[in-house]
Amino acid sequence: MTGQDRNPDRNRQGGKRPPGGVSVSIRSVQPVLMFLRARGYDGAALLREQGVDPEIFRDPEARLLHVAAVRLWEAAVQHTNDPNLGLHVAEAIRPGTFGALDYALRTSASLGAAFTRLSRYHRLLHDAARVELETHRDHAILSHRLPVPGGAPRPVSEFILASWLVTSRQATGVDWVPIRACFPHRAPADTSEHHRVFGCPLKFGHSCSELVLSRKLLDLPLLKADPILQGIVETQVVALLAKLPKAEATTDAVRRLLAEELANGPPTLEQIAPRLRMSARTLHRRLDEEGTSFRRVLAEVRRELAARHLREPQLAVGEIAFLLGSPRLVPFTGPSNAGPVTHRAPIGTWNAVCPKKQGRIVDGWAAWSKLNR
């Protein structure tokens, strides 16, 4: 994480998007902290290690930078040495975890109505992620799409799908089983916990996080259905949503487009600006007003993508280079006061790099990026 991300003031802001990027509700990370505390871990210490002020959780409507939230999840996985932490945290969820939105869903008339409200109001939990419910003749698809490099990381994706399953089973009193569960990350070596939790066929390397279920399940009535209470809490949800920034920050939009375009080659400011319906000069000025630059955002997206993929042993380093938009550019870390030393080499050169050096490559890019901000 950059020094900028470790600034607690940048990592939190009550009820508003923190400056510098996409934000999430602290309710999205509270479950993992509650899980850790229940098992004797020091959640506050973990927060401080990641540059997040524990005091943020005194405000139930505070928001946290998306990158900080992801770092917390990843740090928790390392702290507990539990690669299936997302699944296990989801299994511990109790009613009310997600505040007014939680109660608005649980008081809906049916499971389908609850899923519809989840897709409509999900922005309350995350600025950029999209939840969609698609209905077909005999099945329905509830999907979560995160427009960042690589999609939702493993612990987050697994938490999302498992929490949908757990909370909907709680709400209906029916232990229903999905037709299929799909994840954006690569298949882990051991999927026994996934089969235990979901009890259905699994698909990895999918375009998004997705639960496929029988359409008939959408008609299941909810145990706590209450149209009067539902109307009251939904009004509160709408009021909370109205307080959030309505427009996507320019930085967020650029990050989203870069994540889409990197595999097609190194994107330039001149290529991205027209897609945002502005001139290159205007895009440069708006990024500067948000305290960043096109070069910095591109470096951050590349670094996130490289770090994510280097954790996947099945992915060749040459493939990672391609996904970074530099299929023939091989970065090697130079002296501490210099940027990454690069040379043009065939893809096979990447494949010869040992895992330890791969880590140094990513660290080198990170250090170089910080020096060139």
Protein backbone atom coordinates (compact mmCIF):
# COMPACT_ATOMS: atom_id res chain seq x y z
CA MET A 1 0.00 0.00 0.00
CA THR A 2 1.29 3.45 -0.79
CA GLY A 3 2.05 6.01 1.87
CA GLN A 4 -0.88 7.95 0.49
CA ASP A 5 -3.23 5.03 1.14
CA ARG A 6 -1.88 4.64 4.65
CA ASN A 7 -3.01 8.13 5.61
CA PRO A 8 -6.01 7.54 7.91
CA ASP A 9 -7.64 10.80 6.80
CA ARG A 10 -7.63 9.55 3.20
CA ASN A 11 -8.90 6.14 4.21
CA ARG A 12 -12.04 7.33 5.90
CA GLN A 13 -14.75 9.95 5.63
CA GLY A 14 -18.07 9.76 7.37
CA GLY A 15 -20.95 9.47 4.91
CA LYS A 16 -18.93 10.78 1.94
CA ARG A 17 -16.55 9.29 -0.58
CA PRO A 18 -13.00 9.57 0.80
CA PRO A 19 -10.78 11.65 -1.49
CA GLY A 20 -8.64 9.66 -3.88
CA GLY A 21 -10.82 6.86 -5.20
CA VAL A 22 -13.69 4.39 -4.96
CA SER A 23 -15.12 3.92 -1.47
CA VAL A 24 -17.03 1.24 0.41
CA SER A 25 -19.23 1.34 3.47
CA ILE A 26 -17.43 0.25 6.62
CA ARG A 27 -20.28 -2.26 6.99
CA SER A 28 -18.58 -4.19 4.18
CA VAL A 29 -15.49 -4.83 6.31
CA GLN A 30 -17.09 -5.01 9.75
CA PRO A 31 -17.92 -8.73 9.36
CA VAL A 32 -14.26 -9.70 8.99
CA LEU A 33 -13.27 -7.62 12.03
CA MET A 34 -16.06 -9.15 14.13
CA PHE A 35 -14.95 -12.60 12.99
CA LEU A 36 -11.35 -11.88 14.03
CA ARG A 37 -12.31 -10.50 17.44
CA ALA A 38 -14.55 -13.51 18.15
CA ARG A 39 -11.49 -15.72 17.62
CA GLY A 40 -9.13 -13.72 19.81
CA TYR A 41 -7.38 -11.63 17.17
CA ASP A 42 -6.69 -7.93 17.72
CA GLY A 43 -8.77 -6.27 15.01
CA ALA A 44 -7.75 -2.74 16.02
CA ALA A 45 -4.07 -3.64 15.66
CA LEU A 46 -4.72 -5.04 12.20
CA LEU A 47 -6.47 -1.82 11.21
CA ARG A 48 -3.55 0.31 12.43
CA GLU A 49 -1.07 -1.90 10.57
CA GLN A 50 -2.97 -1.10 7.38
CA GLY A 51 -3.09 2.63 8.11
CA VAL A 52 -6.78 2.70 9.06
CA ASP A 53 -7.91 4.55 12.18
CA PRO A 54 -10.08 2.20 14.31
CA GLU A 55 -12.13 5.23 15.37
CA ILE A 56 -13.78 5.18 11.94
CA PHE A 57 -16.04 2.39 13.15
CA ARG A 58 -17.69 4.70 15.68
CA ASP A 59 -19.58 6.18 12.72
CA PRO A 60 -21.80 3.44 11.22
CA GLU A 61 -22.17 5.39 7.97
CA ALA A 62 -18.47 6.11 7.45
CA ARG A 63 -16.78 5.01 4.25
CA LEU A 64 -13.37 3.56 3.50
CA LEU A 65 -11.27 3.60 0.36
CA HIS A 66 -11.83 0.46 -1.70
CA VAL A 67 -8.09 -0.21 -1.85
CA ALA A 68 -7.85 0.03 1.95
CA ALA A 69 -10.77 -2.37 2.38
CA VAL A 70 -9.13 -4.90 0.04
CA ARG A 71 -5.85 -4.59 1.94
CA LEU A 72 -7.69 -5.33 5.18
CA TRP A 73 -9.21 -8.49 3.72
CA GLU A 74 -5.86 -9.65 2.36
CA ALA A 75 -4.08 -8.86 5.63
CA ALA A 76 -6.75 -10.79 7.56
CA VAL A 77 -6.21 -13.83 5.32
CA GLN A 78 -2.47 -13.71 6.05
CA HIS A 79 -3.04 -13.03 9.75
CA THR A 80 -5.27 -16.06 10.19
CA ASN A 81 -3.51 -18.24 7.60
CA ASP A 82 -6.99 -19.07 6.32
CA PRO A 83 -7.26 -18.94 2.51
CA ASN A 84 -11.02 -19.60 2.83
CA LEU A 85 -11.58 -16.68 5.21
CA GLY A 86 -14.22 -15.10 2.96
CA LEU A 87 -16.38 -18.21 3.20
CA HIS A 88 -15.95 -18.55 6.95
CA VAL A 89 -16.71 -14.87 7.66
CA ALA A 90 -19.90 -15.14 5.59
CA GLU A 91 -21.05 -18.16 7.60
CA ALA A 92 -20.82 -16.06 10.79
CA ILE A 93 -23.08 -13.24 9.51
CA ARG A 94 -26.05 -12.37 11.68
CA PRO A 95 -29.16 -10.25 10.90
CA GLY A 96 -28.50 -6.51 10.97
CA THR A 97 -24.86 -6.72 9.87
CA PHE A 98 -25.46 -4.39 6.92
CA GLY A 99 -27.63 -1.86 8.74
CA ALA A 100 -30.77 -0.35 7.23
CA LEU A 101 -30.15 -2.07 3.88
CA ASP A 102 -30.06 -5.43 5.66
CA TYR A 103 -33.47 -4.86 7.26
CA ALA A 104 -34.92 -3.47 4.03
CA LEU A 105 -34.03 -6.76 2.34
CA ARG A 106 -35.12 -9.07 5.17
CA THR A 107 -38.55 -7.41 5.45
CA SER A 108 -39.25 -7.80 1.71
CA ALA A 109 -42.15 -9.99 0.64
CA SER A 110 -40.07 -12.54 -1.27
CA LEU A 111 -36.51 -13.56 -2.05
CA GLY A 112 -36.85 -12.08 -5.52
CA ALA A 113 -37.99 -8.75 -4.07
CA ALA A 114 -35.04 -8.77 -1.69
CA PHE A 115 -32.55 -9.45 -4.51
CA THR A 116 -34.15 -6.67 -6.57
CA ARG A 117 -33.69 -4.20 -3.72
CA LEU A 118 -30.10 -5.38 -3.25
CA SER A 119 -29.31 -4.55 -6.88
CA ARG A 120 -31.12 -1.22 -6.65
CA TYR A 121 -29.41 -0.01 -3.47
CA HIS A 122 -26.03 -1.77 -3.56
CA ARG A 123 -24.25 1.52 -4.15
CA LEU A 124 -24.81 2.14 -0.46
CA LEU A 125 -22.18 -0.56 0.16
CA HIS A 126 -19.80 0.18 -2.73
CA ASP A 127 -19.41 3.16 -5.08
CA ALA A 128 -18.49 1.24 -8.21
CA ALA A 129 -19.58 -2.40 -7.85
CA ARG A 130 -22.76 -3.40 -9.68
CA VAL A 131 -25.19 -6.08 -8.53
CA GLU A 132 -27.68 -7.31 -11.11
CA LEU A 133 -30.53 -9.82 -11.04
CA GLU A 134 -31.31 -11.49 -14.37
CA THR A 135 -34.33 -13.76 -14.77
CA HIS A 136 -34.67 -16.44 -17.41
CA ARG A 137 -37.29 -19.10 -18.12
CA ASP A 138 -36.09 -21.63 -15.53
CA HIS A 139 -33.23 -19.91 -13.70
CA ALA A 140 -32.05 -16.57 -12.36
CA ILE A 141 -28.57 -15.05 -12.06
CA LEU A 142 -27.46 -12.76 -9.25
CA SER A 143 -24.14 -11.20 -10.23
CA HIS A 144 -21.57 -8.84 -8.71
CA ARG A 145 -19.23 -6.94 -11.01
CA LEU A 146 -16.31 -4.87 -9.77
CA PRO A 147 -14.70 -2.70 -12.49
CA VAL A 148 -11.12 -2.93 -11.21
CA PRO A 149 -8.18 -5.00 -12.50
CA GLY A 150 -8.95 -8.69 -12.03
CA GLY A 151 -12.39 -8.07 -10.53
CA ALA A 152 -13.11 -8.78 -6.87
CA PRO A 153 -10.13 -10.48 -5.16
CA ARG A 154 -10.64 -14.01 -3.87
CA PRO A 155 -11.62 -13.35 -0.23
CA VAL A 156 -14.01 -10.59 -1.24
CA SER A 157 -15.67 -12.54 -4.06
CA GLU A 158 -16.09 -15.64 -1.90
CA PHE A 159 -17.47 -13.55 0.97
CA ILE A 160 -20.01 -11.87 -1.31
CA LEU A 161 -21.41 -15.06 -2.81
CA ALA A 162 -21.39 -16.97 0.46
CA SER A 163 -23.03 -14.06 2.30
CA TRP A 164 -25.82 -13.93 -0.31
CA LEU A 165 -26.42 -17.63 0.22
CA VAL A 166 -26.21 -17.50 4.03
CA THR A 167 -28.43 -14.43 4.47
CA SER A 168 -31.05 -15.66 1.99
CA ARG A 169 -31.22 -19.00 3.76
CA GLN A 170 -31.67 -17.16 7.06
CA ALA A 171 -34.37 -14.93 5.56
CA THR A 172 -36.37 -17.76 3.97
CA GLY A 173 -35.70 -20.58 6.43
CA VAL A 174 -34.93 -22.77 3.41
CA ASP A 175 -31.49 -24.35 2.90
CA TRP A 176 -31.64 -23.91 -0.86
CA VAL A 177 -28.73 -24.91 -3.09
CA PRO A 178 -27.57 -22.88 -6.11
CA ILE A 179 -27.35 -24.36 -9.58
CA ARG A 180 -23.84 -22.96 -9.92
CA ALA A 181 -21.44 -20.57 -8.15
CA CYS A 182 -18.96 -18.61 -10.30
CA PHE A 183 -15.86 -16.70 -9.20
CA PRO A 184 -13.52 -14.31 -11.09
CA HIS A 185 -10.32 -15.71 -9.53
CA ARG A 186 -8.55 -18.89 -10.53
CA ALA A 187 -9.44 -22.17 -8.88
CA PRO A 188 -7.60 -22.78 -5.58
CA ALA A 189 -5.79 -26.07 -5.09
CA ASP A 190 -8.37 -27.20 -2.54
CA THR A 191 -12.05 -26.46 -3.18
CA SER A 192 -13.50 -28.74 -0.52
CA GLU A 193 -14.73 -25.78 1.57
CA HIS A 194 -16.41 -24.25 -1.48
CA HIS A 195 -18.27 -27.50 -2.14
CA ARG A 196 -19.25 -27.72 1.54
CA VAL A 197 -20.62 -24.18 1.64
CA PHE A 198 -22.34 -24.02 -1.77
CA GLY A 199 -23.07 -27.69 -2.45
CA CYS A 200 -23.17 -27.10 -6.20
CA PRO A 201 -20.91 -27.08 -9.28
CA LEU A 202 -18.26 -24.36 -9.20
CA LYS A 203 -16.75 -22.26 -11.95
CA PHE A 204 -13.55 -20.24 -11.57
CA GLY A 205 -11.99 -17.64 -13.86
CA HIS A 206 -15.47 -16.29 -14.63
CA SER A 207 -16.12 -12.72 -15.76
CA CYS A 208 -17.69 -11.80 -12.41
CA SER A 209 -18.94 -13.18 -9.09
CA GLU A 210 -22.22 -14.95 -9.77
CA LEU A 211 -24.86 -17.20 -8.21
CA VAL A 212 -27.15 -19.13 -10.56
CA LEU A 213 -30.36 -20.39 -8.94
CA SER A 214 -33.71 -21.86 -9.85
CA ARG A 215 -36.16 -19.12 -10.82
CA LYS A 216 -38.79 -20.72 -8.57
CA LEU A 217 -36.69 -19.75 -5.53
CA LEU A 218 -37.39 -16.07 -6.21
CA ASP A 219 -40.98 -16.68 -5.08
CA LEU A 220 -39.96 -17.94 -1.64
CA PRO A 221 -41.61 -15.80 1.08
CA LEU A 222 -39.36 -14.22 3.70
CA LEU A 223 -39.89 -15.08 7.37
CA LYS A 224 -39.75 -11.44 8.49
CA ALA A 225 -41.78 -9.97 5.63
CA ASP A 226 -43.46 -6.81 6.88
CA PRO A 227 -44.68 -4.24 4.32
CA ILE A 228 -45.07 -1.46 6.91
CA LEU A 229 -41.62 -1.90 8.46
CA GLN A 230 -40.15 -2.49 5.03
CA GLY A 231 -41.45 0.88 3.86
CA ILE A 232 -39.95 2.63 6.87
CA VAL A 233 -36.45 1.15 6.53
CA GLU A 234 -36.44 1.56 2.74
CA THR A 235 -37.12 5.26 3.21
CA GLN A 236 -34.04 5.39 5.43
CA VAL A 237 -31.99 3.53 2.80
CA VAL A 238 -33.07 6.01 0.11
CA ALA A 239 -32.12 8.93 2.38
CA LEU A 240 -28.66 7.46 3.03
CA LEU A 241 -28.16 6.85 -0.67
CA ALA A 242 -29.09 10.46 -1.46
CA LYS A 243 -26.22 11.67 0.76
CA LEU A 244 -23.61 9.87 -1.35
CA PRO A 245 -21.82 11.70 -4.17
CA LYS A 246 -23.90 11.29 -7.31
CA ALA A 247 -21.14 11.52 -9.88
CA GLU A 248 -18.29 9.11 -10.46
CA ALA A 249 -14.95 10.75 -9.65
CA THR A 250 -12.72 11.30 -12.68
CA THR A 251 -10.01 9.18 -11.06
CA ASP A 252 -12.45 6.30 -10.62
CA ALA A 253 -13.60 6.56 -14.24
CA VAL A 254 -10.02 6.55 -15.52
CA ARG A 255 -9.15 3.54 -13.36
CA ARG A 256 -12.18 1.67 -14.71
CA LEU A 257 -11.26 2.39 -18.33
CA LEU A 258 -7.60 1.54 -17.81
CA ALA A 259 -8.57 -1.81 -16.29
CA GLU A 260 -10.58 -2.53 -19.45
CA GLU A 261 -7.93 -1.36 -21.93
CA LEU A 262 -4.59 -2.55 -20.52
CA ALA A 263 -4.60 -5.91 -22.29
CA ASN A 264 -4.94 -4.06 -25.62
CA GLY A 265 -1.65 -2.21 -25.14
CA PRO A 266 -0.42 0.79 -23.12
CA PRO A 267 -3.37 3.26 -22.96
CA THR A 268 -2.62 6.95 -23.32
CA LEU A 269 -4.34 9.99 -21.89
CA GLU A 270 -5.28 11.01 -25.44
CA GLN A 271 -7.05 7.65 -25.95
CA ILE A 272 -8.93 7.69 -22.64
CA ALA A 273 -10.10 11.34 -22.69
CA PRO A 274 -12.59 10.98 -25.60
CA ARG A 275 -14.23 8.02 -23.88
CA LEU A 276 -15.00 10.37 -20.97
CA ARG A 277 -16.28 12.99 -23.44
CA MET A 278 -13.59 15.50 -22.63
CA SER A 279 -10.36 16.79 -24.12
CA ALA A 280 -6.97 15.52 -23.02
CA ARG A 281 -6.27 18.92 -21.44
CA THR A 282 -9.52 18.81 -19.44
CA LEU A 283 -8.82 15.26 -18.25
CA HIS A 284 -5.32 16.30 -17.16
CA ARG A 285 -6.76 19.25 -15.23
CA ARG A 286 -9.48 17.21 -13.50
CA LEU A 287 -7.04 14.53 -12.39
CA ASP A 288 -4.78 17.27 -11.05
CA GLU A 289 -7.72 18.75 -9.13
CA GLU A 290 -8.27 15.31 -7.54
CA GLY A 291 -4.62 15.20 -6.48
CA THR A 292 -3.36 12.67 -9.00
CA SER A 293 -2.22 12.30 -12.61
CA PHE A 294 -2.82 9.95 -15.53
CA ARG A 295 0.69 8.53 -15.12
CA ARG A 296 0.13 7.84 -11.43
CA VAL A 297 -3.27 6.19 -11.94
CA LEU A 298 -1.86 4.01 -14.73
CA ALA A 299 1.05 2.95 -12.49
CA GLU A 300 -1.34 2.12 -9.63
CA VAL A 301 -3.63 0.04 -11.86
CA ARG A 302 -0.67 -1.84 -13.32
CA ARG A 303 0.82 -2.45 -9.88
CA GLU A 304 -2.48 -3.76 -8.49
CA LEU A 305 -2.95 -6.02 -11.48
CA ALA A 306 0.64 -7.33 -11.33
CA ALA A 307 0.46 -8.03 -7.60
CA ARG A 308 -2.89 -9.77 -8.00
CA HIS A 309 -1.75 -12.04 -10.84
CA LEU A 310 1.61 -12.89 -9.31
CA ARG A 311 -0.30 -14.57 -6.49
CA GLU A 312 -1.79 -16.94 -9.06
CA PRO A 313 0.76 -19.74 -9.63
CA GLN A 314 -1.08 -20.97 -12.71
CA LEU A 315 -0.52 -17.70 -14.60
CA ALA A 316 2.79 -17.41 -16.50
CA VAL A 317 4.70 -14.19 -15.97
CA GLY A 318 4.59 -13.60 -19.71
CA GLU A 319 0.82 -13.57 -19.53
CA ILE A 320 1.01 -11.04 -16.72
CA ALA A 321 3.18 -8.80 -18.89
CA PHE A 322 0.53 -8.99 -21.61
CA LEU A 323 -2.25 -8.09 -19.16
CA LEU A 324 -0.20 -5.10 -17.98
CA GLY A 325 -0.25 -3.72 -21.51
CA SER A 326 3.48 -4.37 -22.08
CA PRO A 327 3.74 -7.85 -23.64
CA ARG A 328 7.39 -7.43 -24.51
CA LEU A 329 8.53 -5.08 -21.75
CA VAL A 330 10.39 -6.82 -18.94
CA PRO A 331 10.97 -4.69 -15.78
CA PHE A 332 13.83 -5.60 -13.46
CA THR A 333 14.55 -3.65 -10.32
CA GLY A 334 17.65 -1.55 -10.41
CA PRO A 335 19.45 0.37 -7.62
CA SER A 336 17.26 1.80 -4.89
CA ASN A 337 17.62 5.31 -6.34
CA ALA A 338 16.67 4.28 -9.88
CA GLY A 339 13.56 3.18 -11.65
CA PRO A 340 12.99 -0.33 -12.93
CA VAL A 341 15.63 -1.30 -15.48
CA THR A 342 13.83 -2.55 -18.57
CA HIS A 343 14.79 -4.34 -21.72
CA ARG A 344 12.90 -5.73 -24.67
CA ALA A 345 12.79 -9.49 -24.56
CA PRO A 346 10.60 -12.33 -25.77
CA ILE A 347 7.85 -13.68 -23.53
CA GLY A 348 9.98 -16.68 -22.61
CA THR A 349 12.28 -14.39 -20.62
CA TRP A 350 9.41 -13.62 -18.27
CA ASN A 351 8.78 -17.30 -17.68
CA ALA A 352 12.34 -17.77 -16.46
CA VAL A 353 11.88 -15.34 -13.56
CA CYS A 354 11.70 -17.14 -10.20
CA PRO A 355 8.82 -16.34 -7.81
CA LYS A 356 11.11 -14.51 -5.38
CA LYS A 357 12.34 -12.20 -8.12
CA GLN A 358 8.77 -11.72 -9.33
CA GLY A 359 7.99 -10.20 -5.95
CA ARG A 360 11.00 -7.90 -6.26
CA ILE A 361 9.80 -6.84 -9.70
CA VAL A 362 6.45 -5.73 -8.29
CA ASP A 363 8.15 -4.01 -5.35
CA GLY A 364 10.43 -2.26 -7.82
CA TRP A 365 7.49 -0.96 -9.80
CA ALA A 366 5.88 0.24 -6.56
CA ALA A 367 9.02 2.09 -5.42
CA TRP A 368 9.56 3.58 -8.87
CA SER A 369 5.97 4.76 -9.06
CA LYS A 370 6.24 6.53 -5.68
CA LEU A 371 9.42 8.32 -6.80
CA ASN A 372 7.74 9.51 -9.99
CA ARG A 373 4.53 10.92 -8.62
